[in-house]
Every structure is written in structure tokens, then in C-alpha cells.
Amino acid sequence: MKIQPQTNAERQKLATLIQPMDSVAMLTSQNAEGALVSRPMAPLEMDAQGAIWFFTDRNSAKVEQLRTLNLSFSDAERGTYVSLCGHGDLETDRSHIKRLWTPLARPWFPDGTDSENLALLKFTPSAAEYWDAVDTKMVHLFATAVSVIAARPIGMGEHGRIGQL
């Protein structure tokens, strides 16, 4: 994923957290029956305003479910997790699609940027929550063991919230 320079410290923190785990994110929406539905998405770009862009099929059910979204990133190896709440918008601007095009999208859009149903999904985050265990896996396992014995979290890394993205 391309990450543009961010214009505030909160979005820069978010960009720093998700940069190493940007290959797949889970996008969750609510369907017409009220059930939560999740699907893997490949992020293309985080723009300077903090919006995260994806390719999508404009006939996909998710384009009717953009009002309230959750986007999550996970890196179990590093012990880093990020959960974003926000909303989505659909964009069909061909110049923007061409700028973000990657051949990795061809299996879903065989005609490339000329694929009839190809659109962009713009996820605009409003807030984020993150967990970041900056220590090595061994240190994290030790901290977990100590936490179990002490019956409270000890040395489990950083947990925070970022509002007003």
C-alpha cells in the first residue's frame, strides 16, 4: 500500500502502525438483516487525508453497506492490531482508478482499468484503536505468563485510541 505523507500526528501514528501489515485488511459492514459481514480487502493507498482506498466491484453487496464500517489490520507475529471505525464511499473516477491500478487486481478485473464494474471504495476512518506489543515474541510470551500468574495485565505493550482522524 502506498502511504502518502499525513497532515497530523494522529494519522501519522496510524500510518506507522499499519504500514508493515498493509497487504490484507478485514472490512466489516452490516447487511440489510443487521448481521455483521466481513471480507478480506487489499488496501491500495492511504491518502494525505487518512482515507484508505480499495478496488471493488460496484455490483458487490458491500457497496450498499458503506454507512458504518470497521477495518482491521493484524500482525500476530509482531503483536500489532489496529481496528478502525468509519464509513465508505464509492468512486468511479477512471483517472484515479488508473493511478492506483496494480496487475494483482487482474484476476477480479480481467479487463484491467477498463473492467466495466471496477470502482474504488474509499474508507474514511473516524477513530482507531490499536494494540502494539513492541517486544519480541519471547518477551511477549514471558509477559503473558507473568500476567496469568499475577491475574492482571503486565508488560503487554501499548494500547491506545486515536480519535478525530
N, C-alpha and C. Protein backbone atom coordinates (compact mmCIF):
# COMPACT_ATOMS: atom_id res chain seq x y z
N MET A 1 0.85 -1.17 0.00
CA MET A 1 0.00 0.00 0.00
C MET A 1 0.89 1.23 0.00
N LYS A 2 0.52 2.18 -0.81
CA LYS A 2 1.21 3.46 -0.80
C LYS A 2 0.64 4.30 0.34
N ILE A 3 1.51 4.89 1.12
CA ILE A 3 1.05 5.78 2.19
C ILE A 3 1.58 7.17 1.92
N GLN A 4 0.66 8.09 1.70
CA GLN A 4 1.02 9.48 1.45
C GLN A 4 1.43 10.13 2.77
N PRO A 5 2.25 11.18 2.72
CA PRO A 5 2.59 11.91 3.96
C PRO A 5 1.30 12.42 4.62
N GLN A 6 1.21 12.21 5.92
CA GLN A 6 0.00 12.57 6.67
C GLN A 6 0.13 13.99 7.22
N THR A 7 -1.03 14.64 7.41
CA THR A 7 -1.03 16.05 7.78
C THR A 7 -1.22 16.30 9.27
N ASN A 8 -1.38 15.22 10.06
CA ASN A 8 -1.44 15.44 11.51
C ASN A 8 -0.83 14.24 12.23
N ALA A 9 -0.52 14.42 13.49
CA ALA A 9 0.19 13.40 14.26
C ALA A 9 -0.64 12.13 14.46
N GLU A 10 -1.96 12.27 14.59
CA GLU A 10 -2.81 11.11 14.80
C GLU A 10 -2.79 10.20 13.57
N ARG A 11 -2.95 10.79 12.39
CA ARG A 11 -2.92 9.99 11.17
C ARG A 11 -1.53 9.43 10.90
N GLN A 12 -0.48 10.16 11.29
CA GLN A 12 0.88 9.65 11.12
C GLN A 12 1.10 8.43 12.01
N LYS A 13 0.57 8.45 13.24
CA LYS A 13 0.67 7.29 14.13
C LYS A 13 -0.04 6.10 13.51
N LEU A 14 -1.24 6.33 12.97
CA LEU A 14 -1.99 5.28 12.31
C LEU A 14 -1.20 4.71 11.12
N ALA A 15 -0.65 5.58 10.30
CA ALA A 15 0.12 5.15 9.13
C ALA A 15 1.32 4.30 9.56
N THR A 16 1.99 4.72 10.61
CA THR A 16 3.15 3.97 11.11
C THR A 16 2.74 2.58 11.59
N LEU A 17 1.59 2.47 12.22
CA LEU A 17 1.12 1.18 12.71
C LEU A 17 0.74 0.23 11.58
N ILE A 18 0.03 0.74 10.56
CA ILE A 18 -0.48 -0.18 9.53
C ILE A 18 0.50 -0.42 8.38
N GLN A 19 1.51 0.42 8.21
CA GLN A 19 2.45 0.26 7.09
C GLN A 19 3.02 -1.16 6.99
N PRO A 20 3.51 -1.77 8.07
CA PRO A 20 4.09 -3.10 7.94
C PRO A 20 3.08 -4.22 7.69
N MET A 21 1.80 -3.97 7.87
CA MET A 21 0.79 -5.02 7.71
C MET A 21 -0.28 -4.63 6.71
N ASP A 22 0.17 -4.07 5.61
CA ASP A 22 -0.77 -3.46 4.66
C ASP A 22 -1.21 -4.36 3.52
N SER A 23 -0.88 -5.65 3.53
CA SER A 23 -1.23 -6.48 2.38
C SER A 23 -2.70 -6.89 2.36
N VAL A 24 -3.29 -7.14 3.54
CA VAL A 24 -4.70 -7.51 3.61
C VAL A 24 -5.30 -6.92 4.87
N ALA A 25 -6.50 -6.40 4.74
CA ALA A 25 -7.27 -5.91 5.89
C ALA A 25 -8.64 -6.57 5.84
N MET A 26 -9.28 -6.65 6.98
CA MET A 26 -10.64 -7.19 7.03
C MET A 26 -11.61 -6.02 7.14
N LEU A 27 -12.53 -5.95 6.18
CA LEU A 27 -13.55 -4.91 6.15
C LEU A 27 -14.87 -5.51 6.62
N THR A 28 -15.46 -4.90 7.64
CA THR A 28 -16.72 -5.40 8.20
C THR A 28 -17.81 -4.35 8.02
N SER A 29 -18.96 -4.81 7.55
CA SER A 29 -20.12 -3.94 7.37
C SER A 29 -21.34 -4.66 7.96
N GLN A 30 -22.46 -3.97 7.92
CA GLN A 30 -23.71 -4.56 8.41
C GLN A 30 -24.65 -4.74 7.24
N ASN A 31 -25.16 -5.98 7.04
CA ASN A 31 -26.05 -6.22 5.91
C ASN A 31 -27.48 -5.78 6.24
N ALA A 32 -28.37 -5.95 5.29
CA ALA A 32 -29.76 -5.49 5.44
C ALA A 32 -30.49 -6.18 6.59
N GLU A 33 -30.07 -7.39 6.95
CA GLU A 33 -30.69 -8.12 8.05
C GLU A 33 -30.07 -7.74 9.40
N GLY A 34 -29.04 -6.90 9.39
CA GLY A 34 -28.40 -6.47 10.62
C GLY A 34 -27.20 -7.31 11.03
N ALA A 35 -26.88 -8.33 10.26
CA ALA A 35 -25.74 -9.18 10.58
C ALA A 35 -24.44 -8.50 10.14
N LEU A 36 -23.38 -8.73 10.92
CA LEU A 36 -22.07 -8.22 10.55
C LEU A 36 -21.46 -9.16 9.51
N VAL A 37 -20.89 -8.58 8.46
CA VAL A 37 -20.30 -9.34 7.37
C VAL A 37 -18.88 -8.83 7.15
N SER A 38 -17.91 -9.74 7.15
CA SER A 38 -16.51 -9.35 6.96
C SER A 38 -15.96 -9.99 5.70
N ARG A 39 -15.02 -9.28 5.08
CA ARG A 39 -14.35 -9.81 3.91
C ARG A 39 -12.94 -9.23 3.84
N PRO A 40 -11.98 -10.04 3.30
CA PRO A 40 -10.61 -9.53 3.15
C PRO A 40 -10.55 -8.54 1.99
N MET A 41 -9.77 -7.49 2.18
CA MET A 41 -9.60 -6.47 1.14
C MET A 41 -8.11 -6.12 1.07
N ALA A 42 -7.66 -5.79 -0.12
CA ALA A 42 -6.27 -5.40 -0.33
C ALA A 42 -6.19 -3.88 -0.43
N PRO A 43 -5.65 -3.21 0.58
CA PRO A 43 -5.56 -1.74 0.52
C PRO A 43 -4.56 -1.29 -0.54
N LEU A 44 -4.91 -0.22 -1.22
CA LEU A 44 -4.07 0.32 -2.29
C LEU A 44 -3.29 1.54 -1.85
N GLU A 45 -3.95 2.41 -1.08
CA GLU A 45 -3.33 3.69 -0.72
C GLU A 45 -3.99 4.24 0.53
N MET A 46 -3.17 4.92 1.34
CA MET A 46 -3.68 5.78 2.40
C MET A 46 -3.34 7.19 1.95
N ASP A 47 -4.37 7.98 1.61
CA ASP A 47 -4.11 9.31 1.08
C ASP A 47 -3.75 10.29 2.20
N ALA A 48 -3.41 11.50 1.85
CA ALA A 48 -2.94 12.50 2.81
C ALA A 48 -4.00 12.89 3.84
N GLN A 49 -5.27 12.61 3.54
CA GLN A 49 -6.35 12.90 4.48
C GLN A 49 -6.68 11.68 5.35
N GLY A 50 -5.93 10.59 5.21
CA GLY A 50 -6.11 9.39 6.01
C GLY A 50 -7.09 8.38 5.46
N ALA A 51 -7.71 8.67 4.30
CA ALA A 51 -8.63 7.71 3.69
C ALA A 51 -7.83 6.54 3.11
N ILE A 52 -8.40 5.35 3.21
CA ILE A 52 -7.75 4.15 2.69
C ILE A 52 -8.59 3.66 1.51
N TRP A 53 -7.92 3.41 0.38
CA TRP A 53 -8.57 3.10 -0.89
C TRP A 53 -8.41 1.64 -1.26
N PHE A 54 -9.48 1.07 -1.86
CA PHE A 54 -9.52 -0.32 -2.31
C PHE A 54 -10.20 -0.38 -3.67
N PHE A 55 -9.87 -1.41 -4.44
CA PHE A 55 -10.69 -1.72 -5.62
C PHE A 55 -11.88 -2.53 -5.15
N THR A 56 -13.00 -2.34 -5.83
CA THR A 56 -14.19 -3.13 -5.55
C THR A 56 -15.02 -3.26 -6.82
N ASP A 57 -15.89 -4.23 -6.82
CA ASP A 57 -16.87 -4.39 -7.89
C ASP A 57 -18.08 -3.55 -7.50
N ARG A 58 -18.46 -2.65 -8.36
CA ARG A 58 -19.56 -1.75 -7.98
C ARG A 58 -20.90 -2.46 -7.86
N ASN A 59 -20.97 -3.73 -8.29
CA ASN A 59 -22.18 -4.53 -8.10
C ASN A 59 -22.12 -5.40 -6.85
N SER A 60 -21.05 -5.30 -6.10
CA SER A 60 -20.90 -6.09 -4.88
C SER A 60 -21.91 -5.63 -3.83
N ALA A 61 -22.36 -6.58 -3.02
CA ALA A 61 -23.32 -6.26 -1.95
C ALA A 61 -22.76 -5.22 -0.99
N LYS A 62 -21.44 -5.20 -0.79
CA LYS A 62 -20.86 -4.28 0.20
C LYS A 62 -21.07 -2.82 -0.16
N VAL A 63 -21.25 -2.49 -1.44
CA VAL A 63 -21.42 -1.08 -1.80
C VAL A 63 -22.76 -0.51 -1.32
N GLU A 64 -23.66 -1.38 -0.89
CA GLU A 64 -24.92 -0.94 -0.29
C GLU A 64 -24.80 -0.87 1.23
N GLN A 65 -23.59 -1.17 1.76
CA GLN A 65 -23.40 -1.27 3.21
C GLN A 65 -22.26 -0.36 3.68
N LEU A 66 -22.14 0.82 3.12
CA LEU A 66 -20.98 1.68 3.39
C LEU A 66 -21.18 2.70 4.50
N ARG A 67 -22.37 2.76 5.07
CA ARG A 67 -22.66 3.80 6.06
C ARG A 67 -21.80 3.67 7.32
N THR A 68 -21.67 2.45 7.83
CA THR A 68 -20.86 2.20 9.02
C THR A 68 -19.97 1.00 8.75
N LEU A 69 -18.66 1.22 8.82
CA LEU A 69 -17.69 0.17 8.52
C LEU A 69 -16.65 0.04 9.62
N ASN A 70 -16.05 -1.14 9.69
CA ASN A 70 -14.88 -1.37 10.53
C ASN A 70 -13.83 -1.98 9.63
N LEU A 71 -12.60 -1.50 9.77
CA LEU A 71 -11.48 -2.01 9.01
C LEU A 71 -10.43 -2.44 10.01
N SER A 72 -9.96 -3.68 9.91
CA SER A 72 -8.96 -4.14 10.88
C SER A 72 -7.74 -4.70 10.18
N PHE A 73 -6.60 -4.42 10.80
CA PHE A 73 -5.30 -4.92 10.35
C PHE A 73 -4.72 -5.75 11.48
N SER A 74 -3.99 -6.81 11.12
CA SER A 74 -3.46 -7.70 12.14
C SER A 74 -2.08 -8.20 11.74
N ASP A 75 -1.16 -8.19 12.69
CA ASP A 75 0.16 -8.78 12.51
C ASP A 75 0.48 -9.55 13.79
N ALA A 76 0.06 -10.82 13.83
CA ALA A 76 0.23 -11.64 15.03
C ALA A 76 1.71 -11.84 15.36
N GLU A 77 2.55 -11.92 14.35
CA GLU A 77 3.99 -12.12 14.58
C GLU A 77 4.58 -10.97 15.40
N ARG A 78 4.19 -9.74 15.08
CA ARG A 78 4.69 -8.56 15.81
C ARG A 78 3.80 -8.20 17.01
N GLY A 79 2.62 -8.81 17.09
CA GLY A 79 1.71 -8.48 18.18
C GLY A 79 1.08 -7.11 18.00
N THR A 80 0.81 -6.73 16.76
CA THR A 80 0.21 -5.43 16.47
C THR A 80 -1.15 -5.62 15.81
N TYR A 81 -2.13 -4.90 16.32
CA TYR A 81 -3.50 -4.99 15.81
C TYR A 81 -4.07 -3.58 15.77
N VAL A 82 -4.80 -3.27 14.68
CA VAL A 82 -5.41 -1.96 14.52
C VAL A 82 -6.85 -2.15 14.06
N SER A 83 -7.78 -1.46 14.72
CA SER A 83 -9.19 -1.50 14.36
C SER A 83 -9.65 -0.07 14.10
N LEU A 84 -10.21 0.16 12.93
CA LEU A 84 -10.67 1.49 12.53
C LEU A 84 -12.18 1.49 12.34
N CYS A 85 -12.85 2.50 12.84
CA CYS A 85 -14.26 2.66 12.51
C CYS A 85 -14.37 3.85 11.56
N GLY A 86 -15.36 3.79 10.69
CA GLY A 86 -15.53 4.86 9.72
C GLY A 86 -16.68 4.56 8.77
N HIS A 87 -16.61 5.17 7.61
CA HIS A 87 -17.64 4.96 6.59
C HIS A 87 -16.96 4.87 5.22
N GLY A 88 -17.73 4.46 4.24
CA GLY A 88 -17.19 4.31 2.90
C GLY A 88 -17.96 5.09 1.87
N ASP A 89 -17.28 5.33 0.76
CA ASP A 89 -17.88 5.97 -0.41
C ASP A 89 -17.39 5.24 -1.65
N LEU A 90 -18.20 5.22 -2.67
CA LEU A 90 -17.83 4.60 -3.94
C LEU A 90 -17.39 5.68 -4.91
N GLU A 91 -16.28 5.43 -5.61
CA GLU A 91 -15.78 6.38 -6.60
C GLU A 91 -15.51 5.64 -7.90
N THR A 92 -15.88 6.27 -9.02
CA THR A 92 -15.68 5.64 -10.32
C THR A 92 -14.79 6.46 -11.24
N ASP A 93 -14.07 7.42 -10.70
CA ASP A 93 -13.19 8.27 -11.50
C ASP A 93 -12.08 7.42 -12.14
N ARG A 94 -12.10 7.30 -13.46
CA ARG A 94 -11.16 6.44 -14.20
C ARG A 94 -9.71 6.88 -14.03
N SER A 95 -9.44 8.17 -13.92
CA SER A 95 -8.05 8.61 -13.76
C SER A 95 -7.51 8.16 -12.40
N HIS A 96 -8.33 8.20 -11.38
CA HIS A 96 -7.93 7.73 -10.06
C HIS A 96 -7.73 6.21 -10.07
N ILE A 97 -8.63 5.49 -10.73
CA ILE A 97 -8.51 4.04 -10.86
C ILE A 97 -7.21 3.69 -11.58
N LYS A 98 -6.90 4.38 -12.66
CA LYS A 98 -5.67 4.11 -13.42
C LYS A 98 -4.43 4.41 -12.57
N ARG A 99 -4.49 5.46 -11.77
CA ARG A 99 -3.34 5.80 -10.94
C ARG A 99 -3.05 4.72 -9.90
N LEU A 100 -4.10 4.09 -9.37
CA LEU A 100 -3.93 3.07 -8.34
C LEU A 100 -3.86 1.64 -8.88
N TRP A 101 -4.03 1.48 -10.18
CA TRP A 101 -4.08 0.14 -10.76
C TRP A 101 -2.84 -0.68 -10.44
N THR A 102 -3.07 -1.95 -10.17
CA THR A 102 -2.00 -2.93 -9.99
C THR A 102 -2.39 -4.20 -10.73
N PRO A 103 -1.44 -4.84 -11.40
CA PRO A 103 -1.76 -6.10 -12.10
C PRO A 103 -2.27 -7.20 -11.15
N LEU A 104 -2.02 -7.06 -9.86
CA LEU A 104 -2.52 -8.05 -8.90
C LEU A 104 -4.05 -8.07 -8.83
N ALA A 105 -4.70 -7.03 -9.34
CA ALA A 105 -6.17 -6.95 -9.33
C ALA A 105 -6.78 -7.62 -10.56
N ARG A 106 -5.95 -8.00 -11.53
CA ARG A 106 -6.46 -8.56 -12.79
C ARG A 106 -7.33 -9.82 -12.61
N PRO A 107 -7.06 -10.73 -11.67
CA PRO A 107 -7.96 -11.89 -11.54
C PRO A 107 -9.42 -11.50 -11.26
N TRP A 108 -9.65 -10.40 -10.59
CA TRP A 108 -11.00 -9.95 -10.29
C TRP A 108 -11.54 -9.01 -11.36
N PHE A 109 -10.62 -8.35 -12.04
CA PHE A 109 -10.99 -7.37 -13.07
C PHE A 109 -10.17 -7.65 -14.32
N PRO A 110 -10.55 -8.70 -15.11
CA PRO A 110 -9.73 -9.18 -16.23
C PRO A 110 -9.49 -8.15 -17.34
N ASP A 111 -10.34 -7.15 -17.45
CA ASP A 111 -10.14 -6.12 -18.46
C ASP A 111 -9.34 -4.94 -17.92
N GLY A 112 -8.68 -5.13 -16.80
CA GLY A 112 -7.86 -4.07 -16.21
C GLY A 112 -8.68 -2.86 -15.86
N THR A 113 -8.12 -1.69 -16.10
CA THR A 113 -8.81 -0.45 -15.75
C THR A 113 -10.06 -0.21 -16.59
N ASP A 114 -10.22 -1.00 -17.66
CA ASP A 114 -11.42 -0.90 -18.49
C ASP A 114 -12.53 -1.84 -18.03
N SER A 115 -12.31 -2.59 -16.97
CA SER A 115 -13.34 -3.50 -16.46
C SER A 115 -14.58 -2.69 -16.11
N GLU A 116 -15.69 -3.13 -16.64
CA GLU A 116 -16.94 -2.38 -16.53
C GLU A 116 -17.38 -2.10 -15.09
N ASN A 117 -17.20 -3.06 -14.19
CA ASN A 117 -17.69 -2.91 -12.82
C ASN A 117 -16.63 -2.44 -11.83
N LEU A 118 -15.44 -2.13 -12.31
CA LEU A 118 -14.35 -1.70 -11.44
C LEU A 118 -14.63 -0.31 -10.87
N ALA A 119 -14.53 -0.22 -9.55
CA ALA A 119 -14.70 1.06 -8.86
C ALA A 119 -13.72 1.11 -7.70
N LEU A 120 -13.66 2.25 -7.06
CA LEU A 120 -12.84 2.40 -5.86
C LEU A 120 -13.74 2.55 -4.65
N LEU A 121 -13.36 1.91 -3.58
CA LEU A 121 -14.02 2.08 -2.30
C LEU A 121 -13.10 2.94 -1.45
N LYS A 122 -13.61 4.07 -1.02
CA LYS A 122 -12.85 4.98 -0.16
C LYS A 122 -13.34 4.78 1.27
N PHE A 123 -12.45 4.26 2.14
CA PHE A 123 -12.78 4.10 3.55
C PHE A 123 -12.23 5.32 4.28
N THR A 124 -13.12 6.07 4.92
CA THR A 124 -12.73 7.25 5.69
C THR A 124 -12.84 6.93 7.17
N PRO A 125 -11.69 6.81 7.85
CA PRO A 125 -11.75 6.47 9.28
C PRO A 125 -12.15 7.68 10.12
N SER A 126 -12.88 7.40 11.20
CA SER A 126 -13.23 8.47 12.14
C SER A 126 -12.49 8.28 13.46
N ALA A 127 -12.14 7.05 13.79
CA ALA A 127 -11.40 6.76 15.02
C ALA A 127 -10.69 5.42 14.87
N ALA A 128 -9.69 5.21 15.71
CA ALA A 128 -8.93 3.96 15.66
C ALA A 128 -8.60 3.50 17.07
N GLU A 129 -8.42 2.21 17.19
CA GLU A 129 -7.94 1.62 18.43
C GLU A 129 -6.82 0.66 18.03
N TYR A 130 -5.76 0.63 18.84
CA TYR A 130 -4.64 -0.23 18.47
C TYR A 130 -4.03 -0.90 19.70
N TRP A 131 -3.39 -2.02 19.43
CA TRP A 131 -2.65 -2.78 20.42
C TRP A 131 -1.30 -3.05 19.77
N ASP A 132 -0.23 -2.71 20.45
CA ASP A 132 1.10 -2.84 19.86
C ASP A 132 2.07 -3.39 20.90
N ALA A 133 2.39 -4.66 20.78
CA ALA A 133 3.37 -5.29 21.66
C ALA A 133 4.73 -5.16 20.98
N VAL A 134 5.46 -4.15 21.36
CA VAL A 134 6.69 -3.81 20.64
C VAL A 134 7.84 -4.77 20.94
N ASP A 135 7.69 -5.64 21.92
CA ASP A 135 8.76 -6.55 22.28
C ASP A 135 8.80 -7.76 21.37
N THR A 136 9.86 -8.55 21.50
CA THR A 136 9.99 -9.77 20.73
C THR A 136 8.94 -10.78 21.17
N LYS A 137 8.74 -11.81 20.38
CA LYS A 137 7.76 -12.84 20.70
C LYS A 137 8.07 -13.50 22.04
N MET A 138 9.35 -13.74 22.32
CA MET A 138 9.74 -14.39 23.57
C MET A 138 9.40 -13.49 24.77
N VAL A 139 9.70 -12.21 24.66
CA VAL A 139 9.37 -11.28 25.74
C VAL A 139 7.86 -11.21 25.93
N HIS A 140 7.12 -11.21 24.83
CA HIS A 140 5.66 -11.17 24.90
C HIS A 140 5.11 -12.43 25.58
N LEU A 141 5.66 -13.59 25.25
CA LEU A 141 5.23 -14.83 25.90
C LEU A 141 5.52 -14.80 27.40
N PHE A 142 6.68 -14.27 27.77
CA PHE A 142 7.04 -14.15 29.18
C PHE A 142 6.06 -13.21 29.89
N ALA A 143 5.75 -12.08 29.28
CA ALA A 143 4.82 -11.12 29.86
C ALA A 143 3.43 -11.75 30.02
N THR A 144 3.03 -12.55 29.06
CA THR A 144 1.75 -13.24 29.15
C THR A 144 1.74 -14.20 30.34
N ALA A 145 2.82 -14.95 30.49
CA ALA A 145 2.92 -15.90 31.61
C ALA A 145 2.87 -15.16 32.95
N VAL A 146 3.61 -14.07 33.07
CA VAL A 146 3.60 -13.27 34.29
C VAL A 146 2.20 -12.71 34.55
N SER A 147 1.53 -12.28 33.50
CA SER A 147 0.18 -11.73 33.64
C SER A 147 -0.79 -12.78 34.14
N VAL A 148 -0.65 -14.01 33.66
CA VAL A 148 -1.52 -15.09 34.11
C VAL A 148 -1.30 -15.35 35.60
N ILE A 149 -0.05 -15.41 36.00
CA ILE A 149 0.28 -15.65 37.41
C ILE A 149 -0.23 -14.51 38.29
N ALA A 150 -0.04 -13.29 37.85
CA ALA A 150 -0.44 -12.12 38.63
C ALA A 150 -1.93 -11.81 38.52
N ALA A 151 -2.60 -12.46 37.56
CA ALA A 151 -4.03 -12.25 37.31
C ALA A 151 -4.34 -10.80 36.94
N ARG A 152 -3.41 -10.16 36.24
CA ARG A 152 -3.63 -8.82 35.70
C ARG A 152 -2.62 -8.58 34.58
N PRO A 153 -2.93 -7.70 33.63
CA PRO A 153 -2.01 -7.44 32.52
C PRO A 153 -0.72 -6.78 33.01
N ILE A 154 0.40 -7.34 32.62
CA ILE A 154 1.70 -6.78 32.98
C ILE A 154 2.57 -6.76 31.73
N GLY A 155 3.07 -5.61 31.37
CA GLY A 155 4.01 -5.50 30.26
C GLY A 155 3.47 -6.04 28.95
N MET A 156 2.20 -5.79 28.67
CA MET A 156 1.58 -6.36 27.47
C MET A 156 1.66 -5.44 26.26
N GLY A 157 2.42 -4.38 26.34
CA GLY A 157 2.56 -3.49 25.20
C GLY A 157 1.65 -2.27 25.30
N GLU A 158 1.59 -1.55 24.24
CA GLU A 158 0.84 -0.30 24.22
C GLU A 158 -0.56 -0.52 23.66
N HIS A 159 -1.54 0.08 24.29
CA HIS A 159 -2.92 0.07 23.81
C HIS A 159 -3.38 1.53 23.80
N GLY A 160 -3.97 1.93 22.71
CA GLY A 160 -4.41 3.31 22.65
C GLY A 160 -5.56 3.52 21.70
N ARG A 161 -6.11 4.71 21.78
CA ARG A 161 -7.19 5.14 20.90
C ARG A 161 -6.77 6.41 20.20
N ILE A 162 -7.15 6.49 18.95
CA ILE A 162 -6.90 7.70 18.16
C ILE A 162 -8.25 8.20 17.70
N GLY A 163 -8.63 9.36 18.15
CA GLY A 163 -9.91 9.94 17.73
C GLY A 163 -9.68 11.10 16.79
N GLN A 164 -10.73 11.57 16.21
CA GLN A 164 -10.64 12.75 15.33
C GLN A 164 -9.63 12.57 14.20
N LEU A 165 -9.76 11.46 13.48
CA LEU A 165 -8.89 11.23 12.33
C LEU A 165 -9.34 12.07 11.18
